[in-house]
C-alpha atoms as a PDB file:
ATOM      1  CA  MET A   1     -17.440  19.319   0.411  1.00  0.00           C
ATOM      2  CA  SER A   2     -15.325  20.942   3.237  1.00  0.00           C
ATOM      3  CA  GLU A   3     -16.823  22.169   6.350  1.00  0.00           C
ATOM      4  CA  PRO A   4     -15.957  25.752   7.018  1.00  0.00           C
ATOM      5  CA  GLY A   5     -12.747  25.608   9.732  1.00  0.00           C
ATOM      6  CA  VAL A   6     -12.364  21.629   9.371  1.00  0.00           C
ATOM      7  CA  LYS A   7      -8.977  20.700   8.209  1.00  0.00           C
ATOM      8  CA  GLU A   8      -9.009  17.742   6.117  1.00  0.00           C
ATOM      9  CA  TYR A   9      -6.435  15.408   4.307  1.00  0.00           C
ATOM     10  CA  ASN A  10      -6.332  12.922   1.252  1.00  0.00           C
ATOM     11  CA  LEU A  11      -4.053   9.972   1.979  1.00  0.00           C
ATOM     12  CA  TYR A  12      -3.378   9.679  -1.744  1.00  0.00           C
ATOM     13  CA  GLU A  13      -2.009  12.961  -1.928  1.00  0.00           C
ATOM     14  CA  ALA A  14       0.761  11.762   0.616  1.00  0.00           C
ATOM     15  CA  ILE A  15       1.144   8.710  -1.885  1.00  0.00           C
ATOM     16  CA  GLU A  16       1.569  10.391  -4.673  1.00  0.00           C
ATOM     17  CA  ARG A  17       4.574  12.645  -3.037  1.00  0.00           C
ATOM     18  CA  ILE A  18       6.241   9.136  -1.960  1.00  0.00           C
ATOM     19  CA  SER A  19       5.897   7.964  -5.189  1.00  0.00           C
ATOM     20  CA  ILE A  20       7.577  10.871  -6.430  1.00  0.00           C
ATOM     21  CA  ARG A  21      10.489  10.824  -3.883  1.00  0.00           C
ATOM     22  CA  THR A  22      10.042   7.394  -2.414  1.00  0.00           C
ATOM     23  CA  GLY A  23      13.784   7.773  -0.869  1.00  0.00           C
ATOM     24  CA  MET A  24      13.324  10.899   0.694  1.00  0.00           C
ATOM     25  CA  TYR A  25      10.308   9.888   2.738  1.00  0.00           C
ATOM     26  CA  THR A  26      10.779   6.195   3.361  1.00  0.00           C
ATOM     27  CA  TRP A  27      14.959   5.687   2.946  1.00  0.00           C
ATOM     28  CA  ASP A  28      14.559   2.607   1.723  1.00  0.00           C
ATOM     29  CA  ARG A  29      12.703   1.816  -0.948  1.00  0.00           C
ATOM     30  CA  ASN A  30      10.532  -1.259   0.244  1.00  0.00           C
ATOM     31  CA  LEU A  31       7.080  -1.842   0.892  1.00  0.00           C
ATOM     32  CA  GLN A  32       7.685  -2.277   4.583  1.00  0.00           C
ATOM     33  CA  ASN A  33       8.734   1.295   4.953  1.00  0.00           C
ATOM     34  CA  ILE A  34       6.135   2.901   2.777  1.00  0.00           C
ATOM     35  CA  GLY A  35       3.417   1.195   5.038  1.00  0.00           C
ATOM     36  CA  SER A  36       5.099   2.114   7.862  1.00  0.00           C
ATOM     37  CA  TYR A  37       5.266   6.017   6.745  1.00  0.00           C
ATOM     38  CA  ILE A  38       1.693   5.893   5.431  1.00  0.00           C
ATOM     39  CA  TYR A  39       0.317   4.497   8.640  1.00  0.00           C
ATOM     40  CA  GLY A  40       2.472   6.931  10.903  1.00  0.00           C
ATOM     41  CA  TYR A  41       1.307   9.720   8.399  1.00  0.00           C
ATOM     42  CA  ALA A  42      -2.501   8.964   8.910  1.00  0.00           C
ATOM     43  CA  GLN A  43      -2.116   8.879  12.473  1.00  0.00           C
ATOM     44  CA  ALA A  44      -0.426  12.035  12.776  1.00  0.00           C
ATOM     45  CA  MET A  45      -3.229  13.906  11.005  1.00  0.00           C
ATOM     46  CA  GLU A  46      -5.385  12.069  12.850  1.00  0.00           C
ATOM     47  CA  ASP A  47      -4.171  13.318  16.268  1.00  0.00           C
ATOM     48  CA  ALA A  48      -3.633  16.826  14.607  1.00  0.00           C
ATOM     49  CA  GLY A  49      -7.239  16.797  14.152  1.00  0.00           C
ATOM     50  CA  PHE A  50      -7.518  16.748  10.463  1.00  0.00           C
ATOM     51  CA  LYS A  51     -10.444  14.964   8.846  1.00  0.00           C
ATOM     52  CA  GLU A  52      -9.794  12.129   6.183  1.00  0.00           C
ATOM     53  CA  ILE A  53     -11.475  12.395   3.155  1.00  0.00           C
ATOM     54  CA  THR A  54      -9.318   9.690   1.031  1.00  0.00           C
ATOM     55  CA  TYR A  55     -11.975   8.117  -1.529  1.00  0.00           C
ATOM     56  CA  PRO A  56     -11.975   5.265  -2.014  1.00  0.00           C
ATOM     57  CA  ARG A  57     -10.561   4.318   1.381  1.00  0.00           C
ATOM     58  CA  PHE A  58      -7.356   3.400   1.981  1.00  0.00           C
ATOM     59  CA  GLU A  59      -8.180   0.789   4.471  1.00  0.00           C
ATOM     60  CA  ASN A  60      -9.931  -1.253   1.990  1.00  0.00           C
ATOM     61  CA  PHE A  61      -6.833  -1.547  -0.280  1.00  0.00           C
ATOM     62  CA  ARG A  62      -5.386  -4.834   1.154  1.00  0.00           C
ATOM     63  CA  ALA A  63      -8.894  -6.497   0.887  1.00  0.00           C
ATOM     64  CA  TRP A  64      -8.906  -5.403  -2.607  1.00  0.00           C
ATOM     65  CA  ILE A  65      -5.460  -6.668  -3.404  1.00  0.00           C
ATOM     66  CA  LYS A  66      -6.538 -10.193  -1.773  1.00  0.00           C
ATOM     67  CA  GLY A  67      -9.221 -10.226  -4.500  1.00  0.00           C
ATOM     68  CA  ARG A  68      -7.372  -8.918  -7.056  1.00  0.00           C
ATOM     69  CA  PHE A  69      -4.747 -11.744  -7.191  1.00  0.00           C
ATOM     70  CA  ASP A  70      -7.270 -14.371  -5.949  1.00  0.00           C
ATOM     71  CA  PHE A  71      -4.996 -14.515  -2.368  1.00  0.00           C
ATOM     72  CA  SER A  72      -6.513 -17.159  -0.064  1.00  0.00           C
ATOM     73  CA  SER A  73      -6.122 -14.775   2.969  1.00  0.00           C
ATOM     74  CA  ASP A  74      -5.381 -11.257   3.193  1.00  0.00           C
ATOM     75  CA  ARG A  75      -3.440 -11.448   7.017  1.00  0.00           C
ATOM     76  CA  PRO A  76      -0.375 -11.018   5.386  1.00  0.00           C
ATOM     77  CA  GLY A  77      -1.130  -7.220   4.336  1.00  0.00           C
ATOM     78  CA  TRP A  78      -0.926  -5.397   1.237  1.00  0.00           C
ATOM     79  CA  GLU A  79       2.675  -5.049   1.725  1.00  0.00           C
ATOM     80  CA  ASN A  80       3.635  -8.683   1.446  1.00  0.00           C
ATOM     81  CA  MET A  81       1.165  -9.904  -0.992  1.00  0.00           C
ATOM     82  CA  ILE A  82       2.410  -7.132  -3.419  1.00  0.00           C
ATOM     83  CA  LEU A  83       6.095  -8.180  -2.845  1.00  0.00           C
ATOM     84  CA  ALA A  84       4.724 -12.076  -2.924  1.00  0.00           C
ATOM     85  CA  ILE A  85       3.746 -11.036  -6.539  1.00  0.00           C
ATOM     86  CA  ALA A  86       6.774  -9.090  -7.370  1.00  0.00           C
ATOM     87  CA  ILE A  87       8.964 -12.194  -6.462  1.00  0.00           C
ATOM     88  CA  GLY A  88       6.846 -14.747  -8.507  1.00  0.00           C
ATOM     89  CA  CYS A  89       5.224 -16.446  -5.586  1.00  0.00           C
ATOM     90  CA  ASP A  90       1.377 -17.947  -6.830  1.00  0.00           C
ATOM     91  CA  PRO A  91      -1.118 -16.034  -4.705  1.00  0.00           C
ATOM     92  CA  THR A  92      -3.583 -18.703  -5.016  1.00  0.00           C
ATOM     93  CA  GLU A  93      -1.706 -20.906  -2.677  1.00  0.00           C
ATOM     94  CA  GLN A  94      -1.548 -20.421   0.806  1.00  0.00           C
ATOM     95  CA  ILE A  95       1.361 -18.083   1.827  1.00  0.00           C
ATOM     96  CA  GLU A  96       3.725 -20.621   3.816  1.00  0.00           C
ATOM     97  CA  GLN A  97       7.182 -20.689   5.366  1.00  0.00           C
ATOM     98  CA  LEU A  98       9.078 -20.936   2.139  1.00  0.00           C
ATOM     99  CA  VAL A  99       7.430 -18.148   0.408  1.00  0.00           C
ATOM    100  CA  TRP A 100       8.362 -15.963   3.675  1.00  0.00           C
ATOM    101  CA  GLU A 101      11.755 -16.944   3.365  1.00  0.00           C
ATOM    102  CA  GLU A 102      12.142 -15.967   0.088  1.00  0.00           C
ATOM    103  CA  MET A 103      10.142 -12.603   1.023  1.00  0.00           C
ATOM    104  CA  ASP A 104      12.838 -12.172   3.620  1.00  0.00           C
ATOM    105  CA  ASN A 105      15.770 -13.068   0.841  1.00  0.00           C
ATOM    106  CA  ALA A 106      14.048 -10.444  -1.761  1.00  0.00           C
ATOM    107  CA  THR A 107      16.602  -8.550  -3.969  1.00  0.00           C
ATOM    108  CA  ASP A 108      16.910  -5.100  -4.284  1.00  0.00           C
ATOM    109  CA  GLU A 109      15.808  -5.125  -7.739  1.00  0.00           C
ATOM    110  CA  GLU A 110      12.318  -7.474  -6.596  1.00  0.00           C
ATOM    111  CA  HIS A 111      12.119  -4.895  -3.594  1.00  0.00           C
ATOM    112  CA  LEU A 112      11.865  -1.789  -6.252  1.00  0.00           C
ATOM    113  CA  LYS A 113       9.480  -4.255  -8.409  1.00  0.00           C
ATOM    114  CA  SER A 114       7.223  -4.264  -5.708  1.00  0.00           C
ATOM    115  CA  VAL A 115       7.211  -0.883  -5.053  1.00  0.00           C
ATOM    116  CA  LYS A 116       6.407   0.236  -8.485  1.00  0.00           C
ATOM    117  CA  LEU A 117       3.775  -2.438  -8.500  1.00  0.00           C
ATOM    118  CA  PHE A 118       2.542  -0.862  -5.228  1.00  0.00           C
ATOM    119  CA  PHE A 119       2.104   2.428  -7.015  1.00  0.00           C
ATOM    120  CA  ASP A 120       0.338   0.908  -9.984  1.00  0.00           C
ATOM    121  CA  LEU A 121      -2.033  -0.951  -8.233  1.00  0.00           C
ATOM    122  CA  ILE A 122      -2.799   2.199  -6.124  1.00  0.00           C
ATOM    123  CA  GLU A 123      -4.194   4.332  -9.142  1.00  0.00           C
ATOM    124  CA  GLU A 124      -6.283   0.962 -10.257  1.00  0.00           C
ATOM    125  CA  TYR A 125      -7.589   0.546  -7.237  1.00  0.00           C
ATOM    126  CA  LYS A 126      -8.948   4.332  -6.981  1.00  0.00           C
ATOM    127  CA  ASN A 127     -10.054   3.812 -10.567  1.00  0.00           C
ATOM    128  CA  ASP A 128     -11.747   0.429 -10.237  1.00  0.00           C
ATOM    129  CA  ILE A 129     -13.402   1.510  -6.869  1.00  0.00           C
ATOM    130  CA  SER A 130     -14.442   4.789  -8.276  1.00  0.00           C
ATOM    131  CA  ALA A 131     -15.862   3.120 -11.562  1.00  0.00           C
ATOM    132  CA  GLY A 132     -17.719   0.447  -9.757  1.00  0.00           C
END
């Protein structure tokens, strides 16, 4: 419930807008740009005095991705874990130099696949956590 006079924001509303017109918000349609936009948006809202009411908390998405795909670590971040899945890497193996090189050379098609996967996973995450 909103407190009178308190400005609020829900990060998933911004993510929904990005999903509809990704290029308008992030120029290149890749997860690094989407991640940068999301983190910048959240910081700007905080700086402007808005209270975050995002549920489930987006900050837990990275750990959820790790568990969802059985990654050995979540250190690469959600952007890189999802891209790794999109290019066909085995998440149960340690992400090593070869995988990073493959990710650096990801095709436009693989980046677009990872972006679509991200938006699908966001919905799955919200439903999974809300139901749990």
